[in-house]
Amino acid sequence: MNFKEKRTKRISAIALAMLFFVPVVVFAASMRIEKDNLVISSSETVNNDVYALSGSVSVDGKIVGDLVAAGGQVVLSGEVSQDVLVAGGQVTISGKVNDDVRLVGGTLTISGEIKGDLVIAGGSVDIQKNAKVSGDVKLGSGQAIISGETGSVDVAVGSIILSPTAKINGDFVYLSESDAKIESGANITGGTVHNKPQSEQKDFVSMYIGPKVVSMLMVLVAVLFFYKVFPNKSQKISQDVKGSFWKNVLFGLGFFVLAPVVLLLMLVTVLGAPIALSGAAIYGVVLYVGKVFAVIALASIIKNMIEKDSKDQNLSWILIIVSVLVYYFVKLIPVIGWALVTVLYLASLGATVKFYSDLTKKLRADKVI
């Protein structure tokens, strides 16, 4: 596996959407959701995983478990005994983390101690003089500065600087159009490898991010269309998803598996072939519509988490956009992310099929069809 493939695999798996979606299903953890500011004070010890969603998140105390957080500004100056997964506009890690750290954001600053690996995707990354990362560093960013001590460094950047206080205990491998600025005094115990993007090769954006963005935009347009044109239907299906979740999962799974079998059986008969071909087209449309309503249901779940006492079920376009991002990024999380999205999708598919089945029965009863 070459550097670009490794970088794609590692960085694309950063759990941005997990920061929003996992609290829906992980009931054993400490879930903290605030509109404005969320603070875990220096005198506070949380003996559990923490999932935090707020305008700003500040952790000054100790978390005996994982920290999964999202906010405009996230500051960790306390201690986390296990993994940290954070998404934010500005992220600062000045405390101690005893396991791996995965970050995504605009401006990311590391000045604390990290016992495990550090994986970052961001606009600007600053690993400061006092920072100590015992594990490897994997990052993709526009610009990066390393002034502290790390394990091996494997990055894809626009530009990178190793300051005089930088100490890399291993190899320094970087993918960039420009040469790294390695200042006098910087210490690299292993080798240094500079990989330049090849003109005949597709870059990371066109090969991976581009298709994902196009797919997300298509789903976003479909979600906005369905929600704006059929608001009552959308709300009814999303409410059914939450109200009979596991029943809908089983119903959706049954439809997903059994419908193709029935269509194949019909296809082998002369009379059933035309119906089977039409049914296959309808089957594909229903599968896609199920994804649309999965996003709408997710938006409704997030809204209820943030506004617990609100009776208003209307969804803003901003919340819909966030939900589309959440849905797609959660799918990138190995195993658990795929499982969570699949379960939500099957529940939405089941609710969608039930809705149209009931509607068809009603129209037949009213002799409309």
Protein backbone atom coordinates (compact mmCIF):
# COMPACT_ATOMS: atom_id res chain seq x y z
CA MET A 1 0.00 0.00 0.00
CA ASN A 2 1.57 3.33 -1.07
CA PHE A 3 1.60 6.53 0.93
CA LYS A 4 -1.40 8.07 -0.79
CA GLU A 5 -3.53 4.96 -0.22
CA LYS A 6 -2.51 4.79 3.43
CA ARG A 7 -3.20 8.48 3.88
CA THR A 8 -6.62 8.14 2.23
CA LYS A 9 -7.56 5.14 4.38
CA ARG A 10 -6.42 6.63 7.66
CA ILE A 11 -7.56 10.22 7.34
CA SER A 12 -10.89 9.53 5.64
CA ALA A 13 -11.91 7.38 8.61
CA ILE A 14 -11.88 10.31 11.03
CA ALA A 15 -15.13 10.27 12.91
CA LEU A 16 -16.66 13.65 12.21
CA ALA A 17 -20.21 12.42 11.96
CA MET A 18 -19.85 9.97 14.82
CA LEU A 19 -19.66 13.01 17.05
CA PHE A 20 -23.31 13.68 16.28
CA PHE A 21 -24.75 10.23 15.64
CA VAL A 22 -23.27 7.89 18.24
CA PRO A 23 -25.12 9.58 21.15
CA VAL A 24 -28.38 8.40 19.60
CA VAL A 25 -27.55 4.75 20.20
CA VAL A 26 -24.91 4.60 22.93
CA PHE A 27 -27.00 4.87 26.07
CA ALA A 28 -24.31 3.68 28.48
CA ALA A 29 -22.19 6.77 27.85
CA SER A 30 -22.48 10.21 29.39
CA MET A 31 -24.30 12.32 26.79
CA ARG A 32 -24.03 16.09 27.10
CA ILE A 33 -25.81 18.37 24.66
CA GLU A 34 -25.93 22.14 25.10
CA LYS A 35 -26.80 24.89 22.67
CA ASP A 36 -24.11 27.30 23.81
CA ASN A 37 -21.31 26.19 26.15
CA LEU A 38 -20.51 22.84 27.72
CA VAL A 39 -17.91 22.66 30.49
CA ILE A 40 -16.46 19.76 32.45
CA SER A 41 -14.77 21.56 35.31
CA SER A 42 -11.34 20.79 36.72
CA SER A 43 -12.92 19.33 39.87
CA GLU A 44 -15.11 16.91 37.91
CA THR A 45 -14.31 13.27 37.10
CA VAL A 46 -16.55 11.40 34.66
CA ASN A 47 -16.27 7.62 35.03
CA ASN A 48 -17.64 6.85 31.59
CA ASP A 49 -17.36 7.77 27.93
CA VAL A 50 -18.46 11.31 27.12
CA TYR A 51 -20.29 12.35 23.95
CA ALA A 52 -20.56 16.13 23.80
CA LEU A 53 -22.30 18.40 21.29
CA SER A 54 -22.35 22.15 21.90
CA GLY A 55 -21.41 25.56 20.59
CA SER A 56 -18.18 25.27 22.54
CA VAL A 57 -16.81 22.38 24.58
CA SER A 58 -14.28 22.76 27.38
CA VAL A 59 -12.88 19.77 29.25
CA ASP A 60 -10.78 20.75 32.25
CA GLY A 61 -11.53 17.69 34.37
CA LYS A 62 -10.84 13.98 33.97
CA ILE A 63 -12.71 11.53 31.75
CA VAL A 64 -12.22 7.84 32.53
CA GLY A 65 -13.20 6.65 29.08
CA ASP A 66 -13.43 8.09 25.56
CA LEU A 67 -14.20 11.67 24.62
CA VAL A 68 -16.23 12.27 21.45
CA ALA A 69 -17.01 15.95 20.97
CA ALA A 70 -18.16 18.46 18.37
CA GLY A 71 -18.41 22.22 18.66
CA GLY A 72 -17.35 25.53 17.19
CA GLN A 73 -14.50 25.55 19.68
CA VAL A 74 -13.23 22.49 21.56
CA VAL A 75 -10.60 22.78 24.29
CA LEU A 76 -9.14 19.82 26.18
CA SER A 77 -6.90 20.89 29.04
CA GLY A 78 -7.79 18.00 31.38
CA GLU A 79 -7.13 14.27 31.04
CA VAL A 80 -8.79 11.53 29.00
CA SER A 81 -7.90 7.92 29.82
CA GLN A 82 -8.82 6.49 26.41
CA ASP A 83 -9.48 7.75 22.85
CA VAL A 84 -10.37 11.27 21.78
CA LEU A 85 -12.41 12.03 18.65
CA VAL A 86 -13.12 15.70 18.06
CA ALA A 87 -14.53 17.93 15.31
CA GLY A 88 -14.57 21.70 15.61
CA GLY A 89 -13.73 25.01 14.05
CA GLN A 90 -10.92 25.53 16.55
CA VAL A 91 -9.53 22.56 18.46
CA THR A 92 -6.91 22.81 21.21
CA ILE A 93 -5.40 19.82 23.02
CA SER A 94 -3.23 20.98 25.92
CA GLY A 95 -4.04 18.21 28.39
CA LYS A 96 -3.18 14.53 28.52
CA VAL A 97 -4.65 11.70 26.44
CA ASN A 98 -3.66 8.14 27.26
CA ASP A 99 -4.65 6.64 23.92
CA ASP A 100 -5.24 7.69 20.29
CA VAL A 101 -6.46 11.12 19.17
CA ARG A 102 -8.38 11.82 15.96
CA LEU A 103 -9.22 15.40 15.06
CA VAL A 104 -10.90 17.26 12.22
CA GLY A 105 -11.33 21.01 12.06
CA GLY A 106 -10.18 24.37 10.80
CA THR A 107 -7.41 25.32 13.22
CA LEU A 108 -5.89 22.57 15.37
CA THR A 109 -3.31 23.14 18.10
CA ILE A 110 -1.54 20.41 20.07
CA SER A 111 0.53 21.31 23.12
CA GLY A 112 -0.25 18.41 25.49
CA GLU A 113 0.75 14.77 25.83
CA ILE A 114 -0.70 12.00 23.67
CA LYS A 115 0.27 8.42 24.49
CA GLY A 116 -1.13 6.90 21.28
CA ASP A 117 -1.33 7.89 17.62
CA LEU A 118 -2.44 11.30 16.38
CA VAL A 119 -4.59 11.47 13.21
CA ILE A 120 -5.61 14.90 11.93
CA ALA A 121 -7.50 16.40 9.00
CA GLY A 122 -7.62 20.18 9.09
CA GLY A 123 -6.83 23.51 7.54
CA SER A 124 -3.98 24.52 9.84
CA VAL A 125 -2.11 22.24 12.27
CA ASP A 126 0.33 23.38 14.95
CA ILE A 127 2.09 20.75 17.07
CA GLN A 128 3.77 23.04 19.56
CA LYS A 129 7.06 22.87 21.45
CA ASN A 130 5.62 21.31 24.61
CA ALA A 131 3.66 18.64 22.74
CA LYS A 132 4.68 15.00 23.08
CA VAL A 133 3.09 12.34 20.87
CA SER A 134 4.33 8.86 21.75
CA GLY A 135 2.70 7.25 18.72
CA ASP A 136 2.76 8.09 15.02
CA VAL A 137 1.37 11.24 13.44
CA LYS A 138 -0.85 11.01 10.36
CA LEU A 139 -2.24 14.26 9.03
CA GLY A 140 -3.66 15.98 6.01
CA SER A 141 -3.77 19.77 6.06
CA GLY A 142 -3.15 22.95 4.16
CA GLN A 143 -0.25 23.93 6.36
CA ALA A 144 1.45 22.31 9.34
CA ILE A 145 4.11 23.22 11.88
CA ILE A 146 5.80 20.62 14.07
CA SER A 147 7.78 21.94 17.02
CA GLY A 148 7.30 19.14 19.57
CA GLU A 149 8.25 15.48 19.94
CA THR A 150 6.46 12.78 17.94
CA GLY A 151 6.80 9.27 16.60
CA SER A 152 6.98 8.70 12.84
CA VAL A 153 5.30 11.41 10.78
CA ASP A 154 3.34 10.55 7.64
CA VAL A 155 1.56 13.57 6.12
CA ALA A 156 -0.05 15.09 3.05
CA VAL A 157 0.19 18.88 3.17
CA GLY A 158 0.34 22.08 1.22
CA SER A 159 3.35 23.18 3.27
CA ILE A 160 5.11 21.93 6.39
CA ILE A 161 7.73 23.35 8.75
CA LEU A 162 9.87 21.45 11.25
CA SER A 163 11.05 24.01 13.78
CA PRO A 164 14.41 23.80 15.62
CA THR A 165 12.74 22.10 18.62
CA ALA A 166 11.04 19.38 16.54
CA LYS A 167 12.01 15.80 17.33
CA ILE A 168 10.69 12.97 15.18
CA ASN A 169 11.42 9.53 16.61
CA GLY A 170 11.13 7.67 13.34
CA ASP A 171 10.64 8.41 9.65
CA PHE A 172 9.43 11.67 8.19
CA VAL A 173 7.35 11.00 5.05
CA TYR A 174 5.44 13.79 3.39
CA LEU A 175 3.40 14.29 0.22
CA SER A 176 3.56 17.87 -1.00
CA GLU A 177 4.22 19.94 -4.10
CA SER A 178 6.80 21.96 -2.16
CA ASP A 179 9.83 20.96 -0.10
CA ALA A 180 9.45 20.82 3.67
CA LYS A 181 11.18 23.57 5.59
CA ILE A 182 13.42 21.71 8.03
CA GLU A 183 15.04 24.30 10.25
CA SER A 184 18.43 23.89 11.86
CA GLY A 185 18.16 21.87 15.09
CA ALA A 186 15.21 19.73 14.02
CA ASN A 187 15.96 16.09 14.84
CA ILE A 188 14.74 13.20 12.65
CA THR A 189 15.99 9.81 13.84
CA GLY A 190 14.75 7.91 10.78
CA GLY A 191 14.71 8.66 7.07
CA THR A 192 13.09 11.53 5.20
CA VAL A 193 10.99 10.83 2.10
CA HIS A 194 9.43 13.51 -0.08
CA ASN A 195 6.64 12.23 -2.34
CA LYS A 196 5.35 14.59 -4.99
CA PRO A 197 1.92 14.15 -6.59
CA GLN A 198 2.25 12.65 -10.07
CA SER A 199 0.54 14.57 -12.85
CA GLU A 200 -0.86 11.38 -14.41
CA GLN A 201 -2.35 10.22 -11.10
CA LYS A 202 -5.65 11.35 -9.67
CA ASP A 203 -5.21 13.36 -6.52
CA PHE A 204 -6.97 12.68 -3.25
CA VAL A 205 -9.76 15.17 -3.95
CA SER A 206 -10.67 13.93 -7.43
CA MET A 207 -10.25 10.27 -6.49
CA TYR A 208 -12.11 10.20 -3.19
CA ILE A 209 -13.53 13.48 -1.91
CA GLY A 210 -14.94 14.59 -5.28
CA PRO A 211 -17.32 11.64 -5.81
CA LYS A 212 -18.39 11.78 -2.17
CA VAL A 213 -19.21 15.48 -2.45
CA VAL A 214 -21.22 14.90 -5.64
CA SER A 215 -23.12 12.05 -3.98
CA MET A 216 -23.81 14.14 -0.88
CA LEU A 217 -25.04 17.06 -2.96
CA MET A 218 -27.41 14.78 -4.89
CA VAL A 219 -28.83 13.37 -1.67
CA LEU A 220 -29.08 16.88 -0.18
CA VAL A 221 -31.10 18.08 -3.19
CA ALA A 222 -33.36 15.01 -2.93
CA VAL A 223 -33.85 15.49 0.83
CA LEU A 224 -34.70 19.18 0.45
CA PHE A 225 -37.08 18.36 -2.41
CA PHE A 226 -38.96 15.67 -0.49
CA TYR A 227 -39.08 17.68 2.72
CA LYS A 228 -40.25 20.90 1.11
CA VAL A 229 -42.72 19.30 -1.33
CA PHE A 230 -44.01 16.56 1.01
CA PRO A 231 -43.46 17.95 4.53
CA ASN A 232 -46.30 16.01 6.18
CA LYS A 233 -45.26 12.72 4.59
CA SER A 234 -41.63 13.31 5.58
CA GLN A 235 -42.52 14.07 9.18
CA LYS A 236 -44.87 11.09 9.42
CA ILE A 237 -42.23 8.67 8.14
CA SER A 238 -39.50 10.12 10.39
CA GLN A 239 -41.81 9.87 13.41
CA ASP A 240 -42.59 6.25 12.52
CA VAL A 241 -38.86 5.52 12.27
CA LYS A 242 -38.39 6.67 15.87
CA GLY A 243 -41.64 5.27 17.20
CA SER A 244 -41.27 1.70 15.90
CA PHE A 245 -37.55 1.61 15.23
CA TRP A 246 -36.67 -2.09 15.53
CA LYS A 247 -39.93 -3.21 13.97
CA ASN A 248 -39.12 -1.02 10.98
CA VAL A 249 -35.57 -2.42 10.86
CA LEU A 250 -36.96 -5.95 10.48
CA PHE A 251 -39.53 -4.80 7.94
CA GLY A 252 -36.88 -2.93 5.93
CA LEU A 253 -34.50 -5.90 6.04
CA GLY A 254 -37.27 -8.20 4.83
CA PHE A 255 -38.08 -5.90 1.93
CA PHE A 256 -34.40 -5.44 1.04
CA VAL A 257 -33.74 -9.20 0.92
CA LEU A 258 -37.02 -10.71 -0.25
CA ALA A 259 -38.09 -8.24 -2.94
CA PRO A 260 -35.21 -9.16 -5.31
CA VAL A 261 -35.98 -12.86 -4.81
CA VAL A 262 -39.61 -12.33 -5.80
CA LEU A 263 -38.57 -10.24 -8.81
CA LEU A 264 -36.15 -12.94 -9.98
CA LEU A 265 -38.85 -15.60 -9.69
CA MET A 266 -41.19 -13.45 -11.75
CA LEU A 267 -38.48 -12.77 -14.30
CA VAL A 268 -38.26 -16.44 -15.32
CA THR A 269 -41.92 -16.51 -16.33
CA VAL A 270 -43.14 -15.03 -19.61
CA LEU A 271 -46.10 -13.18 -18.09
CA GLY A 272 -44.15 -12.01 -15.06
CA ALA A 273 -41.11 -10.64 -16.92
CA PRO A 274 -42.57 -7.20 -17.80
CA ILE A 275 -43.87 -6.80 -14.26
CA ALA A 276 -40.50 -7.89 -12.85
CA LEU A 277 -38.63 -5.29 -14.92
CA SER A 278 -41.00 -2.55 -13.79
CA GLY A 279 -40.73 -3.82 -10.22
CA ALA A 280 -36.93 -3.72 -10.37
CA ALA A 281 -37.07 -0.05 -11.33
CA ILE A 282 -39.49 0.68 -8.50
CA TYR A 283 -37.28 -1.32 -6.11
CA GLY A 284 -34.28 0.87 -6.98
CA VAL A 285 -36.31 4.05 -6.47
CA VAL A 286 -37.60 2.85 -3.09
CA LEU A 287 -34.05 2.02 -1.94
CA TYR A 288 -32.93 5.55 -2.79
CA VAL A 289 -35.98 7.15 -1.19
CA GLY A 290 -35.19 5.11 1.93
CA LYS A 291 -31.82 6.88 2.12
CA VAL A 292 -33.57 10.25 1.76
CA PHE A 293 -35.90 9.53 4.65
CA ALA A 294 -33.01 8.13 6.70
CA VAL A 295 -31.39 11.57 6.53
CA ILE A 296 -34.68 13.26 7.42
CA ALA A 297 -35.16 10.90 10.37
CA LEU A 298 -31.59 11.59 11.51
CA ALA A 299 -32.24 15.33 11.32
CA SER A 300 -35.37 14.86 13.45
CA ILE A 301 -33.40 12.80 16.01
CA ILE A 302 -30.69 15.46 16.26
CA LYS A 303 -33.32 18.21 16.62
CA ASN A 304 -35.01 16.33 19.48
CA MET A 305 -31.65 15.88 21.20
CA ILE A 306 -30.84 19.59 20.99
CA GLU A 307 -34.37 20.90 21.65
CA LYS A 308 -35.81 18.29 23.99
CA ASP A 309 -38.90 20.25 25.03
CA SER A 310 -39.73 21.69 21.62
CA LYS A 311 -42.99 20.57 20.00
CA ASP A 312 -42.00 22.10 16.69
CA GLN A 313 -41.04 19.27 14.32
CA ASN A 314 -40.06 21.53 11.41
CA LEU A 315 -36.46 21.07 10.28
CA SER A 316 -34.24 23.94 9.19
CA TRP A 317 -32.18 23.67 6.03
CA ILE A 318 -29.02 24.03 8.14
CA LEU A 319 -29.99 20.99 10.20
CA ILE A 320 -30.72 19.04 7.02
CA ILE A 321 -27.28 19.89 5.63
CA VAL A 322 -25.64 18.81 8.89
CA SER A 323 -27.60 15.54 8.82
CA VAL A 324 -26.44 14.76 5.27
CA LEU A 325 -22.82 15.30 6.37
CA VAL A 326 -23.38 13.17 9.46
CA TYR A 327 -24.92 10.33 7.44
CA TYR A 328 -22.05 10.17 4.97
CA PHE A 329 -19.17 10.63 7.37
CA VAL A 330 -20.45 8.04 9.83
CA LYS A 331 -20.29 5.50 6.98
CA LEU A 332 -16.52 6.03 6.91
CA ILE A 333 -16.06 4.73 10.45
CA PRO A 334 -14.91 1.10 10.18
CA VAL A 335 -17.47 -1.52 11.28
CA ILE A 336 -19.43 0.48 13.87
CA GLY A 337 -20.11 3.43 11.57
CA TRP A 338 -21.29 1.19 8.75
CA ALA A 339 -23.45 -0.79 11.19
CA LEU A 340 -25.10 2.33 12.64
CA VAL A 341 -25.91 3.78 9.23
CA THR A 342 -27.20 0.43 7.97
CA VAL A 343 -29.56 0.03 10.93
CA LEU A 344 -30.89 3.57 10.50
CA TYR A 345 -31.28 3.03 6.77
CA LEU A 346 -33.19 -0.23 7.22
CA ALA A 347 -35.50 1.41 9.77
CA SER A 348 -36.19 4.26 7.34
CA LEU A 349 -36.63 1.84 4.44
CA GLY A 350 -39.11 -0.18 6.47
CA ALA A 351 -41.07 2.93 7.47
CA THR A 352 -41.06 4.14 3.85
CA VAL A 353 -42.37 0.81 2.49
CA LYS A 354 -45.03 0.66 5.21
CA PHE A 355 -46.16 4.21 4.43
CA TYR A 356 -46.61 3.55 0.73
CA SER A 357 -48.16 0.14 1.40
CA ASP A 358 -50.75 1.70 3.70
CA LEU A 359 -51.32 4.52 1.20
CA THR A 360 -51.91 2.00 -1.61
CA LYS A 361 -54.39 0.04 0.53
CA LYS A 362 -56.25 3.24 1.34
CA LEU A 363 -56.43 4.30 -2.31
CA ARG A 364 -57.70 0.87 -3.27
CA ALA A 365 -60.28 0.96 -0.50
CA ASP A 366 -61.42 4.36 -1.76
CA LYS A 367 -61.42 2.92 -5.30
CA VAL A 368 -58.98 5.57 -6.47
CA ILE A 369 -56.78 2.86 -8.01
